[in-house]
Protein backbone atom coordinates (compact mmCIF):
# COMPACT_ATOMS: atom_id res chain seq x y z
CA MET A 1 0.75 16.42 -14.90
CA SER A 2 -0.85 19.11 -12.82
CA ALA A 3 0.97 21.04 -10.15
CA VAL A 4 -1.66 19.99 -7.62
CA ARG A 5 -0.90 16.28 -8.13
CA VAL A 6 2.82 16.93 -7.88
CA PHE A 7 2.20 18.80 -4.63
CA TRP A 8 0.14 15.98 -3.11
CA LEU A 9 2.53 13.23 -4.21
CA THR A 10 5.45 15.21 -2.77
CA LEU A 11 3.53 15.83 0.44
CA PHE A 12 2.78 12.10 0.70
CA ALA A 13 6.47 11.23 0.23
CA ILE A 14 7.47 13.69 2.95
CA GLY A 15 4.74 12.35 5.26
CA ALA A 16 5.79 8.74 4.63
CA ALA A 17 9.40 9.60 5.47
CA ALA A 18 8.24 11.37 8.65
CA VAL A 19 6.12 8.39 9.70
CA LEU A 20 9.02 5.98 9.16
CA LEU A 21 11.42 8.23 11.05
CA GLY A 22 8.94 8.75 13.89
CA GLY A 23 8.20 5.04 14.09
CA TRP A 24 11.89 4.25 14.25
CA ARG A 25 12.53 6.81 16.98
CA ASN A 26 9.52 5.68 19.04
CA GLY A 27 10.51 2.03 18.88
CA GLU A 28 7.72 0.97 16.51
CA PRO A 29 9.40 0.68 13.10
CA TRP A 30 7.26 -2.24 11.91
CA THR A 31 4.05 -0.42 12.70
CA ALA A 32 5.23 2.62 10.79
CA ALA A 33 6.33 0.48 7.86
CA ALA A 34 2.93 -1.26 7.75
CA PHE A 35 1.16 2.11 7.56
CA VAL A 36 3.51 3.41 4.87
CA VAL A 37 3.17 0.28 2.72
CA PHE A 38 -0.61 0.34 3.01
CA PHE A 39 -1.00 4.00 2.10
CA ALA A 40 1.72 3.90 -0.57
CA SER A 41 -0.29 1.19 -2.30
CA ARG A 42 -3.34 3.44 -2.14
CA VAL A 43 -1.40 6.29 -3.73
CA TRP A 44 -0.06 3.95 -6.41
CA ARG A 45 -3.60 2.70 -7.11
CA SER A 46 -4.71 6.30 -7.57
CA VAL A 47 -1.92 6.88 -10.09
CA ILE A 48 -2.98 3.74 -11.97
CA LYS A 49 -6.62 4.87 -12.06
CA HIS A 50 -5.69 8.42 -13.06
CA PRO A 51 -2.32 8.33 -14.87
CA LEU A 52 0.00 11.27 -14.38
CA TRP A 53 0.40 11.71 -18.14
CA PRO A 54 -2.16 10.96 -20.83
CA ARG A 55 -1.56 7.63 -22.54
CA ILE A 56 -2.07 7.14 -26.23
CA ASP A 57 -2.05 3.34 -26.15
CA ASP A 58 -4.10 2.90 -22.99
CA ASP A 59 -5.12 -0.69 -22.32
CA PRO A 60 -7.90 -0.86 -19.69
CA ILE A 61 -7.37 -4.60 -19.10
CA ARG A 62 -3.66 -4.09 -18.40
CA ARG A 63 -4.44 -1.22 -16.04
CA ALA A 64 -7.04 -3.34 -14.22
CA HIS A 65 -4.43 -6.07 -13.75
CA GLN A 66 -1.91 -3.52 -12.50
CA PHE A 67 -4.54 -2.18 -10.10
CA LEU A 68 -5.20 -5.66 -8.67
CA VAL A 69 -1.48 -6.43 -8.37
CA VAL A 70 -0.84 -3.19 -6.46
CA THR A 71 -3.92 -3.74 -4.28
CA SER A 72 -2.80 -7.30 -3.45
CA ALA A 73 0.75 -6.19 -2.76
CA GLY A 74 -0.46 -3.43 -0.45
CA TRP A 75 -2.68 -5.73 1.60
CA LEU A 76 -0.14 -8.58 1.74
CA GLY A 77 2.81 -6.30 2.47
CA SER A 78 0.92 -4.51 5.23
CA GLY A 79 -0.27 -7.84 6.61
CA VAL A 80 3.23 -9.26 6.79
CA LEU A 81 4.59 -6.09 8.42
CA ALA A 82 1.65 -6.02 10.84
CA GLY A 83 2.41 -9.63 11.78
CA VAL A 84 6.04 -8.75 12.37
CA ALA A 85 4.92 -5.77 14.47
CA ALA A 86 2.76 -8.10 16.60
CA ILE A 87 5.62 -10.55 17.07
CA ALA A 88 8.00 -7.69 17.90
CA GLY A 89 5.61 -6.53 20.64
CA GLU A 90 4.51 -3.28 19.03
CA GLY A 91 0.89 -3.78 19.91
CA GLN A 92 -1.52 -6.64 20.48
CA GLU A 93 -4.04 -5.12 18.05
CA TRP A 94 -1.80 -6.22 15.20
CA LEU A 95 -2.68 -9.82 16.06
CA TYR A 96 -6.21 -9.02 14.93
CA VAL A 97 -5.35 -6.74 12.02
CA ALA A 98 -2.65 -8.82 10.33
CA PRO A 99 -4.86 -11.82 9.46
CA CYS A 100 -7.53 -9.52 8.00
CA PHE A 101 -4.95 -7.77 5.83
CA LEU A 102 -3.57 -11.10 4.64
CA VAL A 103 -7.04 -12.41 3.82
CA MET A 104 -7.86 -9.26 1.84
CA GLY A 105 -4.58 -9.57 -0.07
CA ALA A 106 -5.25 -13.23 -0.81
CA LEU A 107 -8.77 -12.43 -2.03
CA ASN A 108 -7.44 -9.77 -4.39
CA LEU A 109 -4.79 -12.17 -5.63
CA TYR A 110 -7.47 -14.80 -6.18
CA VAL A 111 -9.52 -12.36 -8.26
CA LEU A 112 -6.44 -11.43 -10.27
CA LEU A 113 -5.47 -15.03 -10.98
CA ARG A 114 -9.05 -16.10 -11.64
CA LYS A 115 -9.73 -13.34 -14.17
CA SER A 116 -6.39 -13.57 -16.02
């Protein structure tokens, strides 16, 4: 694993903690959590596409399934948290964003289940 990837993953973890702390202090914890879940899934997808260590027994089908599971989880998790943020009064825009996130998560789940 390269030092550059370690640096960026560490920087992401620090940034995610800062976003959660800032969201909590500003009275918008659900909004912060939705952002962190969404971008954490993107980081995880990147690690699936480009593993941190070389794999000897790499299975592209298994990695594709993992990729779809993480993508679905990111969209659905962010959608649920965005819906909670809307209900909690953290911003009316979440009423528009949450359904889109949930639909994207459901579509990815559909592709995963259809291709399995």
